[in-house]
Amino acid sequence: MKVHNLAGALLDFWSAKAAGMPQPRLVDGVCMIGSSPYRPSASWADGGPLLEREAISVFRYPDLDSWHACVEFNFIREEGLSTKHYYQGPTPLVAAMRCLIASKLGNEVPSE
């Protein structure tokens, strides 16, 4: 499955895998770590620490209706922004979690 298509519980599941969380699993459409729901693509309590730890930058262009996230980037005055991993999403956390997954696992993940 392409990372840019991940959303909801699948996005949370693969974010947990990319973040090295212990034994993430899907239960009734919710990503679980142990007995607790884990929603880094919707909860700043879960996703915020990942943004900080992985140094994921999140921004929004005023004329586009989406959020953008990147890691391992550089800005060169003459050339603009260059980055290894760049993803978009409807919210900052969705964009950031897609970016996290791609940076750790690649642009495609198995359908599980």
C-alpha atoms as a PDB file:
ATOM      1  CA  MET A   1       0.000   0.000   0.000  1.00  0.00           C
ATOM      2  CA  LYS A   2       1.303   3.451  -0.864  1.00  0.00           C
ATOM      3  CA  VAL A   3       2.085   5.574   2.192  1.00  0.00           C
ATOM      4  CA  HIS A   4       0.288   8.607   0.729  1.00  0.00           C
ATOM      5  CA  ASN A   5      -2.950   6.563   0.821  1.00  0.00           C
ATOM      6  CA  LEU A   6      -2.693   5.606   4.503  1.00  0.00           C
ATOM      7  CA  ALA A   7      -5.306   7.101   6.837  1.00  0.00           C
ATOM      8  CA  GLY A   8      -7.033   6.332  10.127  1.00  0.00           C
ATOM      9  CA  ALA A   9      -6.120   3.175  12.023  1.00  0.00           C
ATOM     10  CA  LEU A  10      -3.803   1.895   9.280  1.00  0.00           C
ATOM     11  CA  LEU A  11      -1.848   5.146   9.372  1.00  0.00           C
ATOM     12  CA  ASP A  12      -1.625   4.869  13.159  1.00  0.00           C
ATOM     13  CA  PHE A  13      -0.556   1.201  12.947  1.00  0.00           C
ATOM     14  CA  TRP A  14       2.249   1.887  10.475  1.00  0.00           C
ATOM     15  CA  SER A  15       3.289   4.984  12.425  1.00  0.00           C
ATOM     16  CA  ALA A  16       3.635   2.795  15.507  1.00  0.00           C
ATOM     17  CA  LYS A  17       5.729   0.301  13.544  1.00  0.00           C
ATOM     18  CA  ALA A  18       7.946   3.075  12.160  1.00  0.00           C
ATOM     19  CA  ALA A  19       8.352   4.568  15.642  1.00  0.00           C
ATOM     20  CA  GLY A  20       9.404   1.216  17.108  1.00  0.00           C
ATOM     21  CA  MET A  21       6.405   0.875  19.407  1.00  0.00           C
ATOM     22  CA  PRO A  22       6.021  -2.582  21.003  1.00  0.00           C
ATOM     23  CA  GLN A  23       3.607  -4.907  19.183  1.00  0.00           C
ATOM     24  CA  PRO A  24       1.064  -2.542  17.619  1.00  0.00           C
ATOM     25  CA  ARG A  25      -2.126  -4.235  16.535  1.00  0.00           C
ATOM     26  CA  LEU A  26      -5.472  -3.317  15.026  1.00  0.00           C
ATOM     27  CA  VAL A  27      -8.532  -4.038  17.168  1.00  0.00           C
ATOM     28  CA  ASP A  28     -11.987  -3.068  15.898  1.00  0.00           C
ATOM     29  CA  GLY A  29     -10.558  -0.355  13.649  1.00  0.00           C
ATOM     30  CA  VAL A  30      -8.266   1.140  16.305  1.00  0.00           C
ATOM     31  CA  CYS A  31      -4.490   0.838  16.643  1.00  0.00           C
ATOM     32  CA  MET A  32      -3.642  -0.522  20.075  1.00  0.00           C
ATOM     33  CA  ILE A  33      -0.389  -0.602  22.032  1.00  0.00           C
ATOM     34  CA  GLY A  34      -1.000  -2.977  24.900  1.00  0.00           C
ATOM     35  CA  SER A  35      -4.477  -2.124  26.168  1.00  0.00           C
ATOM     36  CA  SER A  36      -4.346   1.550  25.121  1.00  0.00           C
ATOM     37  CA  PRO A  37      -5.465   3.175  21.876  1.00  0.00           C
ATOM     38  CA  TYR A  38      -2.603   4.752  19.958  1.00  0.00           C
ATOM     39  CA  ARG A  39      -3.581   7.530  17.518  1.00  0.00           C
ATOM     40  CA  PRO A  40      -0.533   9.555  16.490  1.00  0.00           C
ATOM     41  CA  SER A  41      -2.297  10.791  13.357  1.00  0.00           C
ATOM     42  CA  ALA A  42      -5.115  12.353  15.416  1.00  0.00           C
ATOM     43  CA  SER A  43      -3.758  12.921  18.935  1.00  0.00           C
ATOM     44  CA  TRP A  44      -1.006  15.415  19.685  1.00  0.00           C
ATOM     45  CA  ALA A  45      -0.301  13.475  22.891  1.00  0.00           C
ATOM     46  CA  ASP A  46       0.720  10.486  20.743  1.00  0.00           C
ATOM     47  CA  GLY A  47       1.971  12.200  17.587  1.00  0.00           C
ATOM     48  CA  GLY A  48       3.608  15.332  19.019  1.00  0.00           C
ATOM     49  CA  PRO A  49       6.521  13.505  20.682  1.00  0.00           C
ATOM     50  CA  LEU A  50       7.235  11.710  17.391  1.00  0.00           C
ATOM     51  CA  LEU A  51       7.454  15.012  15.519  1.00  0.00           C
ATOM     52  CA  GLU A  52       9.934  16.294  18.061  1.00  0.00           C
ATOM     53  CA  ARG A  53      11.998  13.095  18.325  1.00  0.00           C
ATOM     54  CA  GLU A  54      12.248  12.607  14.553  1.00  0.00           C
ATOM     55  CA  ALA A  55      12.681  16.332  13.761  1.00  0.00           C
ATOM     56  CA  ILE A  56       9.725  16.366  11.375  1.00  0.00           C
ATOM     57  CA  SER A  57       8.942  19.829  10.064  1.00  0.00           C
ATOM     58  CA  VAL A  58       5.295  20.650   9.371  1.00  0.00           C
ATOM     59  CA  PHE A  59       4.053  23.640   7.406  1.00  0.00           C
ATOM     60  CA  ARG A  60       1.128  24.895   5.366  1.00  0.00           C
ATOM     61  CA  TYR A  61       1.191  26.877   2.175  1.00  0.00           C
ATOM     62  CA  PRO A  62      -1.452  29.644   2.300  1.00  0.00           C
ATOM     63  CA  ASP A  63      -2.789  28.833  -1.173  1.00  0.00           C
ATOM     64  CA  LEU A  64      -3.021  25.034  -0.787  1.00  0.00           C
ATOM     65  CA  ASP A  65      -5.632  23.152   1.192  1.00  0.00           C
ATOM     66  CA  SER A  66      -3.236  20.671   2.785  1.00  0.00           C
ATOM     67  CA  TRP A  67      -0.459  20.343   5.324  1.00  0.00           C
ATOM     68  CA  HIS A  68       3.076  19.361   4.401  1.00  0.00           C
ATOM     69  CA  ALA A  69       5.740  17.515   6.371  1.00  0.00           C
ATOM     70  CA  CYS A  70       9.367  16.763   5.649  1.00  0.00           C
ATOM     71  CA  VAL A  71      12.454  15.286   7.266  1.00  0.00           C
ATOM     72  CA  GLU A  72      16.097  15.406   6.282  1.00  0.00           C
ATOM     73  CA  PHE A  73      15.688  18.657   4.414  1.00  0.00           C
ATOM     74  CA  ASN A  74      17.892  21.515   3.404  1.00  0.00           C
ATOM     75  CA  PHE A  75      17.092  24.972   2.124  1.00  0.00           C
ATOM     76  CA  ILE A  76      19.481  26.415  -0.426  1.00  0.00           C
ATOM     77  CA  ARG A  77      18.783  30.029  -1.292  1.00  0.00           C
ATOM     78  CA  GLU A  78      19.327  29.589  -5.026  1.00  0.00           C
ATOM     79  CA  GLU A  79      17.571  26.218  -5.296  1.00  0.00           C
ATOM     80  CA  GLY A  80      14.861  26.293  -2.626  1.00  0.00           C
ATOM     81  CA  LEU A  81      13.799  23.385  -0.451  1.00  0.00           C
ATOM     82  CA  SER A  82      15.314  19.971  -1.027  1.00  0.00           C
ATOM     83  CA  THR A  83      14.241  16.991   1.044  1.00  0.00           C
ATOM     84  CA  LYS A  84      14.522  13.213   1.183  1.00  0.00           C
ATOM     85  CA  HIS A  85      11.014  12.637   2.519  1.00  0.00           C
ATOM     86  CA  TYR A  86       8.081  14.947   1.876  1.00  0.00           C
ATOM     87  CA  TYR A  87       4.402  14.123   2.384  1.00  0.00           C
ATOM     88  CA  GLN A  88       1.062  15.917   2.458  1.00  0.00           C
ATOM     89  CA  GLY A  89      -2.123  15.403   4.436  1.00  0.00           C
ATOM     90  CA  PRO A  90      -5.348  17.080   5.501  1.00  0.00           C
ATOM     91  CA  THR A  91      -3.932  17.758   8.995  1.00  0.00           C
ATOM     92  CA  PRO A  92      -0.428  18.377  10.353  1.00  0.00           C
ATOM     93  CA  LEU A  93      -0.373  15.020  12.138  1.00  0.00           C
ATOM     94  CA  VAL A  94      -1.505  13.018   9.108  1.00  0.00           C
ATOM     95  CA  ALA A  95       1.200  14.628   6.952  1.00  0.00           C
ATOM     96  CA  ALA A  96       3.816  14.073   9.665  1.00  0.00           C
ATOM     97  CA  MET A  97       2.934  10.410  10.235  1.00  0.00           C
ATOM     98  CA  ARG A  98       3.062   9.682   6.506  1.00  0.00           C
ATOM     99  CA  CYS A  99       6.459  11.344   6.420  1.00  0.00           C
ATOM    100  CA  LEU A 100       7.647   9.327   9.430  1.00  0.00           C
ATOM    101  CA  ILE A 101       6.582   6.033   7.856  1.00  0.00           C
ATOM    102  CA  ALA A 102       8.267   6.812   4.542  1.00  0.00           C
ATOM    103  CA  SER A 103      11.495   7.874   6.243  1.00  0.00           C
ATOM    104  CA  LYS A 104      11.703   4.635   8.239  1.00  0.00           C
ATOM    105  CA  LEU A 105       9.932   2.020   6.093  1.00  0.00           C
ATOM    106  CA  GLY A 106       9.830   3.366   2.551  1.00  0.00           C
ATOM    107  CA  ASN A 107       7.098   4.726   0.297  1.00  0.00           C
ATOM    108  CA  GLU A 108       5.090   1.487   0.339  1.00  0.00           C
ATOM    109  CA  VAL A 109       4.102  -0.830   3.183  1.00  0.00           C
ATOM    110  CA  PRO A 110       2.484  -4.285   3.078  1.00  0.00           C
ATOM    111  CA  SER A 111      -1.306  -4.455   3.281  1.00  0.00           C
ATOM    112  CA  GLU A 112      -1.960  -6.004   6.716  1.00  0.00           C
END
